[in-house]
C-alpha atoms as a PDB file:
ATOM      1  CA  MET A   1     109.046 102.837  98.441  1.00  0.00           C
ATOM      2  CA  LYS A   2     106.449 102.079 100.905  1.00  0.00           C
ATOM      3  CA  LEU A   3     103.782 104.752 101.616  1.00  0.00           C
ATOM      4  CA  ALA A   4     101.409 105.314 104.376  1.00  0.00           C
ATOM      5  CA  LEU A   5      97.887 106.990 103.819  1.00  0.00           C
ATOM      6  CA  CYS A   6      96.228 107.891 107.320  1.00  0.00           C
ATOM      7  CA  GLN A   7      92.639 108.177 106.988  1.00  0.00           C
ATOM      8  CA  THR A   8      91.647 110.028 110.365  1.00  0.00           C
ATOM      9  CA  SER A   9      88.915 111.538 111.775  1.00  0.00           C
ATOM     10  CA  PRO A  10      88.736 115.062 111.474  1.00  0.00           C
ATOM     11  CA  THR A  11      90.795 117.652 113.752  1.00  0.00           C
ATOM     12  CA  ASP A  12      87.750 119.989 114.356  1.00  0.00           C
ATOM     13  CA  GLY A  13      90.184 122.583 116.003  1.00  0.00           C
ATOM     14  CA  ASP A  14      91.629 120.385 118.815  1.00  0.00           C
ATOM     15  CA  ILE A  15      95.293 121.179 117.521  1.00  0.00           C
ATOM     16  CA  GLU A  16      96.961 119.463 120.524  1.00  0.00           C
ATOM     17  CA  ALA A  17      95.084 116.066 120.042  1.00  0.00           C
ATOM     18  CA  ALA A  18      95.727 116.397 116.208  1.00  0.00           C
ATOM     19  CA  LEU A  19      99.411 116.626 117.014  1.00  0.00           C
ATOM     20  CA  ALA A  20      99.098 113.864 119.276  1.00  0.00           C
ATOM     21  CA  ARG A  21      97.466 111.690 116.705  1.00  0.00           C
ATOM     22  CA  LEU A  22     100.242 112.736 113.915  1.00  0.00           C
ATOM     23  CA  ASP A  23     102.911 111.317 116.570  1.00  0.00           C
ATOM     24  CA  THR A  24     101.186 107.872 117.268  1.00  0.00           C
ATOM     25  CA  MET A  25     100.593 107.341 113.468  1.00  0.00           C
ATOM     26  CA  LEU A  26     103.821 108.582 112.271  1.00  0.00           C
ATOM     27  CA  ALA A  27     105.552 106.085 114.893  1.00  0.00           C
ATOM     28  CA  ALA A  28     103.391 103.289 113.435  1.00  0.00           C
ATOM     29  CA  ALA A  29     103.966 104.102 109.865  1.00  0.00           C
ATOM     30  CA  ALA A  30     107.969 104.259 110.383  1.00  0.00           C
ATOM     31  CA  LEU A  31     107.863 100.884 112.427  1.00  0.00           C
ATOM     32  CA  ALA A  32     106.024  99.511 109.006  1.00  0.00           C
ATOM     33  CA  GLY A  33     108.640 100.881 107.051  1.00  0.00           C
ATOM     34  CA  ALA A  34     106.853 103.534 105.062  1.00  0.00           C
ATOM     35  CA  ARG A  35     109.442 106.530 103.946  1.00  0.00           C
ATOM     36  CA  MET A  36     106.219 108.753 103.530  1.00  0.00           C
ATOM     37  CA  ALA A  37     103.037 109.235 105.552  1.00  0.00           C
ATOM     38  CA  VAL A  38     100.174 111.488 103.800  1.00  0.00           C
ATOM     39  CA  PHE A  39      97.320 113.007 105.997  1.00  0.00           C
ATOM     40  CA  PRO A  40      94.263 114.750 105.010  1.00  0.00           C
ATOM     41  CA  GLU A  41      93.860 118.334 103.630  1.00  0.00           C
ATOM     42  CA  LEU A  42      93.661 121.151 106.323  1.00  0.00           C
ATOM     43  CA  TYR A  43      94.313 118.436 109.240  1.00  0.00           C
ATOM     44  CA  LEU A  44      95.473 121.619 110.916  1.00  0.00           C
ATOM     45  CA  PRO A  45      93.054 123.238 112.292  1.00  0.00           C
ATOM     46  CA  GLY A  46      90.267 121.554 110.652  1.00  0.00           C
ATOM     47  CA  TYR A  47      88.513 121.504 107.298  1.00  0.00           C
ATOM     48  CA  ASN A  48      85.002 122.553 108.095  1.00  0.00           C
ATOM     49  CA  ARG A  49      85.861 124.910 110.615  1.00  0.00           C
ATOM     50  CA  PRO A  50      85.753 128.369 108.652  1.00  0.00           C
ATOM     51  CA  ASP A  51      85.688 130.155 112.079  1.00  0.00           C
ATOM     52  CA  LEU A  52      89.275 129.316 112.534  1.00  0.00           C
ATOM     53  CA  HIS A  53      90.815 129.143 109.447  1.00  0.00           C
ATOM     54  CA  GLN A  54      91.393 133.317 109.490  1.00  0.00           C
ATOM     55  CA  THR A  55      92.402 132.926 113.339  1.00  0.00           C
ATOM     56  CA  LEU A  56      94.364 130.137 113.584  1.00  0.00           C
ATOM     57  CA  ALA A  57      96.307 130.084 110.270  1.00  0.00           C
ATOM     58  CA  GLN A  58     100.222 130.414 110.579  1.00  0.00           C
ATOM     59  CA  PRO A  59     102.779 131.314 108.690  1.00  0.00           C
ATOM     60  CA  GLN A  60     105.522 129.106 106.989  1.00  0.00           C
ATOM     61  CA  GLY A  61     108.205 128.302 109.774  1.00  0.00           C
ATOM     62  CA  GLY A  62     105.629 129.051 112.489  1.00  0.00           C
ATOM     63  CA  ASP A  63     104.871 126.729 115.213  1.00  0.00           C
ATOM     64  CA  TRP A  64     102.747 123.895 113.123  1.00  0.00           C
ATOM     65  CA  MET A  65     105.556 123.629 110.600  1.00  0.00           C
ATOM     66  CA  LEU A  66     108.273 123.302 113.212  1.00  0.00           C
ATOM     67  CA  LYS A  67     106.227 120.687 115.243  1.00  0.00           C
ATOM     68  CA  ALA A  68     105.537 118.723 111.962  1.00  0.00           C
ATOM     69  CA  ALA A  69     109.189 118.706 111.138  1.00  0.00           C
ATOM     70  CA  SER A  70     110.082 117.877 114.628  1.00  0.00           C
ATOM     71  CA  LEU A  71     107.729 114.757 114.458  1.00  0.00           C
ATOM     72  CA  ALA A  72     109.115 113.487 110.972  1.00  0.00           C
ATOM     73  CA  ALA A  73     112.652 113.949 112.190  1.00  0.00           C
ATOM     74  CA  ARG A  74     111.805 112.064 115.400  1.00  0.00           C
ATOM     75  CA  HIS A  75     110.302 108.813 113.390  1.00  0.00           C
ATOM     76  CA  HIS A  76     112.740 109.078 110.658  1.00  0.00           C
ATOM     77  CA  ILE A  77     109.944 109.317 107.924  1.00  0.00           C
ATOM     78  CA  GLY A  78     108.533 111.970 105.314  1.00  0.00           C
ATOM     79  CA  LEU A  79     105.232 113.512 105.968  1.00  0.00           C
ATOM     80  CA  THR A  80     102.517 115.335 103.801  1.00  0.00           C
ATOM     81  CA  LEU A  81     100.103 117.476 105.545  1.00  0.00           C
ATOM     82  CA  GLY A  82      97.432 119.678 105.217  1.00  0.00           C
ATOM     83  CA  TRP A  83      96.950 122.985 106.663  1.00  0.00           C
ATOM     84  CA  ALA A  84      95.834 126.541 106.998  1.00  0.00           C
ATOM     85  CA  GLU A  85      98.886 129.099 105.973  1.00  0.00           C
ATOM     86  CA  ARG A  86      98.933 132.707 106.455  1.00  0.00           C
ATOM     87  CA  ASP A  87     100.870 134.712 104.779  1.00  0.00           C
ATOM     88  CA  GLY A  88     100.487 138.429 105.932  1.00  0.00           C
ATOM     89  CA  ASP A  89      96.897 139.243 105.542  1.00  0.00           C
ATOM     90  CA  THR A  90      96.239 136.396 102.970  1.00  0.00           C
ATOM     91  CA  CYS A  91      95.437 132.760 104.129  1.00  0.00           C
ATOM     92  CA  TYR A  92      95.886 129.674 101.844  1.00  0.00           C
ATOM     93  CA  ASN A  93      94.757 126.134 101.908  1.00  0.00           C
ATOM     94  CA  ALA A  94      98.337 124.585 101.923  1.00  0.00           C
ATOM     95  CA  ALA A  95      99.975 121.315 102.198  1.00  0.00           C
ATOM     96  CA  THR A  96     103.899 120.832 102.597  1.00  0.00           C
ATOM     97  CA  ALA A  97     105.936 117.636 102.449  1.00  0.00           C
ATOM     98  CA  PHE A  98     108.564 116.968 104.917  1.00  0.00           C
ATOM     99  CA  GLY A  99     111.859 114.806 104.749  1.00  0.00           C
ATOM    100  CA  PRO A 100     112.422 112.045 107.408  1.00  0.00           C
ATOM    101  CA  ASP A 101     115.161 114.703 108.602  1.00  0.00           C
ATOM    102  CA  GLY A 102     112.476 117.184 109.043  1.00  0.00           C
ATOM    103  CA  ALA A 103     113.689 119.673 106.262  1.00  0.00           C
ATOM    104  CA  THR A 104     111.051 120.880 103.880  1.00  0.00           C
ATOM    105  CA  LEU A 105     110.851 119.350 100.467  1.00  0.00           C
ATOM    106  CA  ALA A 106     107.908 121.128  99.065  1.00  0.00           C
ATOM    107  CA  HIS A 107     104.955 123.705  99.762  1.00  0.00           C
ATOM    108  CA  TYR A 108     101.945 124.210  97.968  1.00  0.00           C
ATOM    109  CA  ARG A 109      98.744 126.215  97.573  1.00  0.00           C
ATOM    110  CA  LYS A 110      95.568 124.963  96.576  1.00  0.00           C
ATOM    111  CA  ILE A 111      94.842 126.014  93.138  1.00  0.00           C
ATOM    112  CA  GLN A 112      91.083 124.833  92.611  1.00  0.00           C
ATOM    113  CA  LEU A 113      89.249 126.164  95.851  1.00  0.00           C
ATOM    114  CA  TYR A 114      85.989 124.390  96.045  1.00  0.00           C
ATOM    115  CA  GLY A 115      82.785 126.198  96.917  1.00  0.00           C
ATOM    116  CA  PRO A 116      82.035 129.183  99.038  1.00  0.00           C
ATOM    117  CA  MET A 117      83.358 127.923 102.023  1.00  0.00           C
ATOM    118  CA  GLU A 118      86.673 127.698 100.804  1.00  0.00           C
ATOM    119  CA  GLN A 119      86.847 130.780  98.429  1.00  0.00           C
ATOM    120  CA  LYS A 120      85.762 132.688 101.569  1.00  0.00           C
ATOM    121  CA  SER A 121      88.140 131.408 103.926  1.00  0.00           C
ATOM    122  CA  PHE A 122      91.393 131.337 101.356  1.00  0.00           C
ATOM    123  CA  ALA A 123      92.972 132.818  98.579  1.00  0.00           C
ATOM    124  CA  PHE A 124      93.878 130.947  95.347  1.00  0.00           C
ATOM    125  CA  GLY A 125      97.213 129.206  94.865  1.00  0.00           C
ATOM    126  CA  ASN A 126      98.875 129.867  91.393  1.00  0.00           C
ATOM    127  CA  SER A 127     101.990 127.436  90.926  1.00  0.00           C
ATOM    128  CA  TYR A 128     102.796 123.584  90.899  1.00  0.00           C
ATOM    129  CA  ALA A 129     105.290 122.207  93.642  1.00  0.00           C
ATOM    130  CA  THR A 130     107.287 119.151  92.716  1.00  0.00           C
ATOM    131  CA  PHE A 131     109.972 117.565  94.578  1.00  0.00           C
ATOM    132  CA  ASN A 132     112.443 114.404  94.464  1.00  0.00           C
ATOM    133  CA  PHE A 133     111.796 112.123  97.164  1.00  0.00           C
ATOM    134  CA  GLU A 134     113.331 108.599  97.445  1.00  0.00           C
ATOM    135  CA  GLY A 135     114.503 108.441  93.945  1.00  0.00           C
ATOM    136  CA  ARG A 136     111.238 109.904  92.425  1.00  0.00           C
ATOM    137  CA  THR A 137     109.822 112.765  91.125  1.00  0.00           C
ATOM    138  CA  CYS A 138     106.704 113.442  93.468  1.00  0.00           C
ATOM    139  CA  ALA A 139     104.134 116.430  93.566  1.00  0.00           C
ATOM    140  CA  LEU A 140     101.587 117.849  95.604  1.00  0.00           C
ATOM    141  CA  LEU A 141      97.844 118.619  94.831  1.00  0.00           C
ATOM    142  CA  ILE A 142      94.853 119.278  97.193  1.00  0.00           C
ATOM    143  CA  CYS A 143      91.565 117.536  96.892  1.00  0.00           C
ATOM    144  CA  TYR A 144      89.468 119.583  94.155  1.00  0.00           C
ATOM    145  CA  ASP A 145      92.670 120.085  91.752  1.00  0.00           C
ATOM    146  CA  VAL A 146      93.162 116.644  91.237  1.00  0.00           C
ATOM    147  CA  GLU A 147      89.694 116.257  89.774  1.00  0.00           C
ATOM    148  CA  PHE A 148      90.907 118.987  86.868  1.00  0.00           C
ATOM    149  CA  ALA A 149      92.761 116.710  84.502  1.00  0.00           C
ATOM    150  CA  HIS A 150      95.000 119.483  82.816  1.00  0.00           C
ATOM    151  CA  HIS A 151      96.765 119.954  86.503  1.00  0.00           C
ATOM    152  CA  VAL A 152      97.881 116.148  86.366  1.00  0.00           C
ATOM    153  CA  ARG A 153      98.471 116.551  82.981  1.00  0.00           C
ATOM    154  CA  ALA A 154     101.124 119.682  83.732  1.00  0.00           C
ATOM    155  CA  LEU A 155     102.692 117.648  86.432  1.00  0.00           C
ATOM    156  CA  ALA A 156     102.997 114.647  84.090  1.00  0.00           C
ATOM    157  CA  GLU A 157     104.861 116.628  81.515  1.00  0.00           C
ATOM    158  CA  ARG A 158     107.208 117.912  84.379  1.00  0.00           C
ATOM    159  CA  GLY A 159     107.923 114.059  84.898  1.00  0.00           C
ATOM    160  CA  VAL A 160     106.079 113.497  88.016  1.00  0.00           C
ATOM    161  CA  GLU A 161     105.644 109.878  89.129  1.00  0.00           C
ATOM    162  CA  LEU A 162     104.243 109.823  92.357  1.00  0.00           C
ATOM    163  CA  LEU A 163     101.483 112.317  93.054  1.00  0.00           C
ATOM    164  CA  LEU A 164     100.272 113.145  96.753  1.00  0.00           C
ATOM    165  CA  VAL A 165      96.875 114.432  97.623  1.00  0.00           C
ATOM    166  CA  PRO A 166      95.771 115.615 100.653  1.00  0.00           C
ATOM    167  CA  THR A 167      91.925 115.706 100.749  1.00  0.00           C
ATOM    168  CA  ALA A 168      88.731 116.450 102.789  1.00  0.00           C
ATOM    169  CA  ASN A 169      85.952 114.576 100.195  1.00  0.00           C
ATOM    170  CA  PRO A 170      82.451 114.794 101.367  1.00  0.00           C
ATOM    171  CA  ALA A 171      80.290 111.752 101.737  1.00  0.00           C
ATOM    172  CA  GLY A 172      78.255 111.418  98.417  1.00  0.00           C
ATOM    173  CA  PHE A 173      81.137 112.011  96.310  1.00  0.00           C
ATOM    174  CA  GLU A 174      82.730 108.466  96.534  1.00  0.00           C
ATOM    175  CA  HIS A 175      82.977 108.455  92.453  1.00  0.00           C
ATOM    176  CA  VAL A 176      86.000 110.868  93.126  1.00  0.00           C
ATOM    177  CA  SER A 177      87.937 107.434  94.544  1.00  0.00           C
ATOM    178  CA  ARG A 178      86.136 105.010  92.724  1.00  0.00           C
ATOM    179  CA  HIS A 179      86.496 106.653  89.193  1.00  0.00           C
ATOM    180  CA  ILE A 180      88.425 109.959  88.725  1.00  0.00           C
ATOM    181  CA  ILE A 181      91.674 108.985  90.958  1.00  0.00           C
ATOM    182  CA  PRO A 182      92.169 105.723  88.978  1.00  0.00           C
ATOM    183  CA  ALA A 183      91.653 107.592  85.820  1.00  0.00           C
ATOM    184  CA  ARG A 184      93.891 110.086  86.425  1.00  0.00           C
ATOM    185  CA  ALA A 185      96.365 107.715  87.468  1.00  0.00           C
ATOM    186  CA  SER A 186      96.085 105.580  84.242  1.00  0.00           C
ATOM    187  CA  GLU A 187      96.042 108.615  81.949  1.00  0.00           C
ATOM    188  CA  TYR A 188      99.103 109.871  83.114  1.00  0.00           C
ATOM    189  CA  ALA A 189     100.919 106.753  83.967  1.00  0.00           C
ATOM    190  CA  MET A 190     101.831 107.911  87.602  1.00  0.00           C
ATOM    191  CA  THR A 191     100.983 106.570  91.102  1.00  0.00           C
ATOM    192  CA  VAL A 192      98.313 108.969  92.978  1.00  0.00           C
ATOM    193  CA  ALA A 193      97.782 108.822  96.909  1.00  0.00           C
ATOM    194  CA  TYR A 194      94.717 110.202  97.915  1.00  0.00           C
ATOM    195  CA  ALA A 195      94.325 110.689 101.590  1.00  0.00           C
ATOM    196  CA  ASN A 196      90.774 111.310 102.999  1.00  0.00           C
ATOM    197  CA  TYR A 197      88.824 111.803 106.345  1.00  0.00           C
ATOM    198  CA  CYS A 198      86.072 109.741 107.654  1.00  0.00           C
ATOM    199  CA  GLY A 199      83.564 110.338 110.199  1.00  0.00           C
ATOM    200  CA  SER A 200      82.373 114.126 110.584  1.00  0.00           C
ATOM    201  CA  GLU A 201      82.992 117.599 111.420  1.00  0.00           C
ATOM    202  CA  GLN A 202      80.548 120.243 112.282  1.00  0.00           C
ATOM    203  CA  GLY A 203      77.489 118.505 110.523  1.00  0.00           C
ATOM    204  CA  LEU A 204      79.750 117.838 107.617  1.00  0.00           C
ATOM    205  CA  ALA A 205      80.357 114.009 106.857  1.00  0.00           C
ATOM    206  CA  PHE A 206      83.349 112.766 105.141  1.00  0.00           C
ATOM    207  CA  GLY A 207      83.424 109.932 102.863  1.00  0.00           C
ATOM    208  CA  GLY A 208      86.531 108.219 103.539  1.00  0.00           C
ATOM    209  CA  HIS A 209      87.459 105.631 100.665  1.00  0.00           C
ATOM    210  CA  SER A 210      91.533 107.092 100.794  1.00  0.00           C
ATOM    211  CA  LEU A 211      93.442 104.993  97.997  1.00  0.00           C
ATOM    212  CA  ILE A 212      96.649 104.689  96.292  1.00  0.00           C
ATOM    213  CA  SER A 213      96.168 103.892  92.760  1.00  0.00           C
ATOM    214  CA  ALA A 214      99.033 102.427  90.716  1.00  0.00           C
ATOM    215  CA  PRO A 215      99.985 103.723  87.243  1.00  0.00           C
ATOM    216  CA  ASP A 216      97.786 101.167  85.175  1.00  0.00           C
ATOM    217  CA  GLY A 217      94.995 102.428  87.331  1.00  0.00           C
ATOM    218  CA  ALA A 218      94.909  99.352  89.672  1.00  0.00           C
ATOM    219  CA  ALA A 219      94.120  99.944  93.491  1.00  0.00           C
ATOM    220  CA  LEU A 220      97.096  99.099  95.517  1.00  0.00           C
ATOM    221  CA  ALA A 221      95.208  99.845  99.050  1.00  0.00           C
ATOM    222  CA  SER A 222      92.129 101.186  99.499  1.00  0.00           C
ATOM    223  CA  ALA A 223      90.155 102.243 102.561  1.00  0.00           C
ATOM    224  CA  HIS A 224      86.318 102.209 103.727  1.00  0.00           C
ATOM    225  CA  THR A 225      84.746 104.408 106.018  1.00  0.00           C
ATOM    226  CA  THR A 226      86.460 104.099 109.146  1.00  0.00           C
ATOM    227  CA  GLU A 227      89.931 105.112 110.799  1.00  0.00           C
ATOM    228  CA  THR A 228      92.631 103.342 109.124  1.00  0.00           C
ATOM    229  CA  MET A 229      96.249 103.721 108.040  1.00  0.00           C
ATOM    230  CA  LEU A 230      96.764 102.197 104.451  1.00  0.00           C
ATOM    231  CA  ILE A 231     100.582 100.882 103.779  1.00  0.00           C
ATOM    232  CA  THR A 232     101.592  99.679 100.441  1.00  0.00           C
ATOM    233  CA  ASP A 233     104.942  99.153  98.384  1.00  0.00           C
ATOM    234  CA  THR A 234     104.603 101.833  95.367  1.00  0.00           C
ATOM    235  CA  ALA A 235     106.740  99.444  93.218  1.00  0.00           C
ATOM    236  CA  HIS A 236     103.788  98.215  91.285  1.00  0.00           C
ATOM    237  CA  PRO A 237     104.710  95.573  88.513  1.00  0.00           C
ATOM    238  CA  VAL A 238     103.114  97.223  85.220  1.00  0.00           C
ATOM    239  CA  ASP A 239     103.223  95.673  81.431  1.00  0.00           C
ATOM    240  CA  PRO A 240     104.909  99.307  79.715  1.00  0.00           C
ATOM    241  CA  SER A 241     102.813  98.120  76.848  1.00  0.00           C
ATOM    242  CA  ARG A 242      99.694  98.621  78.986  1.00  0.00           C
ATOM    243  CA  LEU A 243     100.497 102.022  80.305  1.00  0.00           C
ATOM    244  CA  SER A 244      98.938 105.225  78.929  1.00  0.00           C
ATOM    245  CA  THR A 245     100.730 107.239  76.063  1.00  0.00           C
ATOM    246  CA  GLN A 246      98.388 110.175  76.146  1.00  0.00           C
ATOM    247  CA  LEU A 247     100.990 112.578  76.710  1.00  0.00           C
ATOM    248  CA  ILE A 248     102.945 111.762  73.415  1.00  0.00           C
ATOM    249  CA  ASP A 249      99.771 111.152  71.498  1.00  0.00           C
ATOM    250  CA  TYR A 250      97.571 114.285  72.396  1.00  0.00           C
ATOM    251  CA  ARG A 251      96.594 116.485  69.688  1.00  0.00           C
ATOM    252  CA  GLU A 252      95.357 120.048  69.744  1.00  0.00           C
ATOM    253  CA  THR A 253      91.872 120.554  68.571  1.00  0.00           C
ATOM    254  CA  PRO A 254      91.542 121.611  65.278  1.00  0.00           C
ATOM    255  CA  GLN A 255      90.306 125.134  64.799  1.00  0.00           C
END
């Protein structure tokens, strides 16, 4: 299965421009044969825009979801997108995966909110989201979530083979792409797709370095610090004897 990672500049509150870019990039990804495209965290309305998170957040089934679903269906490609969700009086840092027909495959709320800004804007999520796509068991995490090994392990125990991670990782934290993502992939023998921003938003610079890491930790595709779209086939040949067996070898710490 071909996967597209869309490393874009931040939205910075310009919803119409963000949707137009989404349309253009989905068209290009579909033309290249990708079956799923992954965009960054809080693509709508923007990551470093806490002034907009509460005021613009939308419910499931709202205009943002309808437009995203429509674009996925128009280009007949799956779409994973981070956005600010409102549920009554509560807001969540959320991500939704849509199928090539526009149907919702999974919806996820970020469990590990990072720092004061996120924790002021959003409530904590409390459940995982797994789904089947193109014959593979997939799951969603968002940014900081993937840095906690036990979340990835929990998904591996549920049979997840492909982990899709919208992120907004700042510049200066490139070790996440260089070391943590390959480690998570190899620890639990799964493919991890990590889609970040580049450029800056309201004074916050992002680190880029989006990547797709194979189950043996190899980089299937990786970006630098400019706008780009990574497209690669996730069918990476791996010697089974080289894959991690941590799930079956793990022992609880003796008391």
